[in-house]
Protein backbone atom coordinates (compact mmCIF):
# COMPACT_ATOMS: atom_id res chain seq x y z
CA UNK A 1 7.67 11.57 11.03
CA UNK A 2 4.50 10.96 13.67
CA UNK A 3 2.50 9.79 10.75
CA UNK A 4 5.01 7.29 9.66
CA UNK A 5 5.16 5.93 13.26
CA UNK A 6 1.62 5.98 13.01
CA UNK A 7 1.51 3.67 9.63
CA UNK A 8 4.21 1.51 11.29
CA UNK A 9 2.18 0.63 14.31
CA UNK A 10 -1.14 -0.02 12.66
CA UNK A 11 0.51 -1.98 10.11
CA UNK A 12 2.18 -3.91 13.00
CA UNK A 13 -0.57 -4.21 14.93
CA UNK A 14 -2.76 -6.23 12.43
CA UNK A 15 0.27 -8.92 12.53
CA UNK A 16 0.25 -8.94 16.40
CA UNK A 17 -3.69 -8.90 16.07
CA UNK A 18 -3.93 -12.02 13.67
CA UNK A 19 -0.73 -13.85 15.64
CA UNK A 20 -2.69 -13.61 18.44
CA UNK A 21 -6.51 -14.37 17.36
CA UNK A 22 -4.52 -17.54 15.65
CA UNK A 23 -3.13 -18.82 19.25
CA UNK A 24 -7.33 -19.22 20.30
CA UNK A 25 -8.68 -20.28 17.01
CA UNK A 26 -7.11 -21.74 13.76
CA UNK A 27 -9.92 -20.94 11.50
CA UNK A 28 -10.16 -17.38 12.59
CA UNK A 29 -6.70 -16.40 12.55
CA UNK A 30 -6.48 -18.33 9.12
CA UNK A 31 -9.95 -16.29 7.93
CA UNK A 32 -8.64 -12.85 9.12
CA UNK A 33 -5.22 -13.44 7.56
CA UNK A 34 -6.70 -14.21 4.24
CA UNK A 35 -8.56 -11.04 4.37
CA UNK A 36 -6.52 -8.30 2.26
CA UNK A 37 -5.89 -6.29 5.02
CA UNK A 38 -2.48 -5.19 4.59
CA UNK A 39 -3.87 -4.34 0.85
CA UNK A 40 -6.42 -2.36 2.33
CA UNK A 41 -4.01 -0.70 4.58
CA UNK A 42 -1.83 0.00 1.91
CA UNK A 43 -4.49 1.38 -0.37
CA UNK A 44 -5.93 3.49 2.42
CA UNK A 45 -1.90 5.10 2.88
CA UNK A 46 -1.77 5.68 -0.71
CA UNK A 47 -4.73 7.58 -0.92
CA UNK A 48 -4.39 9.62 2.13
CA UNK A 49 -0.59 10.50 1.31
CA UNK A 50 -2.25 11.95 -2.30
CA UNK A 51 -0.67 9.32 -4.81
CA UNK A 52 -2.40 9.37 -8.30
CA UNK A 53 -5.57 6.90 -8.59
CA UNK A 54 -3.38 5.37 -11.54
CA UNK A 55 -0.52 4.41 -9.09
CA UNK A 56 -3.30 2.97 -6.33
CA UNK A 57 -5.08 1.04 -9.04
CA UNK A 58 -2.07 -0.37 -10.05
CA UNK A 59 -1.46 -1.49 -6.97
CA UNK A 60 -4.75 -3.21 -6.21
CA UNK A 61 -4.42 -4.78 -9.92
CA UNK A 62 -0.89 -6.36 -9.48
CA UNK A 63 -1.55 -7.26 -5.65
CA UNK A 64 -4.54 -9.43 -7.52
CA UNK A 65 -2.04 -11.25 -9.86
CA UNK A 66 0.93 -11.45 -7.21
CA UNK A 67 -1.43 -13.29 -4.83
CA UNK A 68 -2.09 -16.02 -7.31
CA UNK A 69 1.45 -17.52 -7.13
CA UNK A 70 1.62 -17.88 -3.50
CA UNK A 71 -1.21 -20.33 -2.69
CA UNK A 72 0.44 -23.32 -3.05
CA UNK A 73 2.74 -22.50 -0.24
CA UNK A 74 -0.34 -22.78 1.53
CA UNK A 75 -0.90 -26.35 0.81
CA UNK A 76 2.69 -27.27 0.96
CA UNK A 77 3.46 -25.89 4.57
CA UNK A 78 0.89 -27.75 6.44
CA UNK A 79 2.62 -31.45 4.85
CA UNK A 80 6.02 -30.26 4.83
CA UNK A 81 5.99 -29.33 8.53
CA UNK A 82 5.61 -32.36 10.63
CA UNK A 83 8.16 -34.12 8.23
CA UNK A 84 10.82 -30.85 8.05
CA UNK A 85 10.18 -29.04 10.75
CA UNK A 86 9.29 -25.59 10.54
CA UNK A 87 12.43 -23.45 8.94
CA UNK A 88 13.17 -25.97 6.62
CA UNK A 89 9.36 -25.96 5.59
CA UNK A 90 9.21 -22.17 5.77
CA UNK A 91 12.67 -22.15 3.59
CA UNK A 92 11.56 -24.72 0.82
CA UNK A 93 7.99 -23.10 0.45
CA UNK A 94 9.88 -19.51 -0.02
CA UNK A 95 11.67 -21.03 -2.78
CA UNK A 96 8.83 -22.85 -4.05
CA UNK A 97 6.96 -19.62 -3.92
CA UNK A 98 10.00 -17.67 -6.31
CA UNK A 99 9.01 -20.70 -8.96
CA UNK A 100 5.60 -20.83 -8.73
CA UNK A 101 6.22 -17.08 -9.51
CA UNK A 102 8.70 -17.29 -12.35
CA UNK A 103 6.48 -19.76 -14.06
CA UNK A 104 3.22 -17.64 -13.41
CA UNK A 105 5.00 -14.77 -14.96
CA UNK A 106 6.46 -16.43 -18.17
CA UNK A 107 2.49 -17.82 -18.29
CA UNK A 108 0.53 -14.57 -17.77
CA UNK A 109 3.36 -12.94 -20.33
CA UNK A 110 1.42 -15.02 -23.22
CA UNK A 111 -1.26 -13.45 -22.23
CA UNK A 112 -0.38 -9.60 -21.98
CA UNK A 113 0.19 -9.45 -18.57
CA UNK A 114 3.48 -8.08 -17.70
CA UNK A 115 4.58 -9.43 -13.61
CA UNK A 116 8.32 -9.06 -14.02
């Protein structure tokens, strides 16, 4: 149980750290958020918990492919925010991401990459 609590605290701490840095510096906050910190922590947790190397490698592999269709959200959100407000912009960005992911999964299927 202590291990799970430690994982939650360290992982949540990263989110808090990034949000606190972002309050002070947009660029530095964005840079830290763009680093694959959560993925690295997940890989470490999987390794420490003695998961098979194949599972750890698959996590990194699929994370790469799942990141790509999320990228348009980061371009759309700043333009929507001043016009539509925060919550509506977030909802639209989530919908755009889901559509992009679906289209990307269909496209990648043609190249032998099964994402769904």
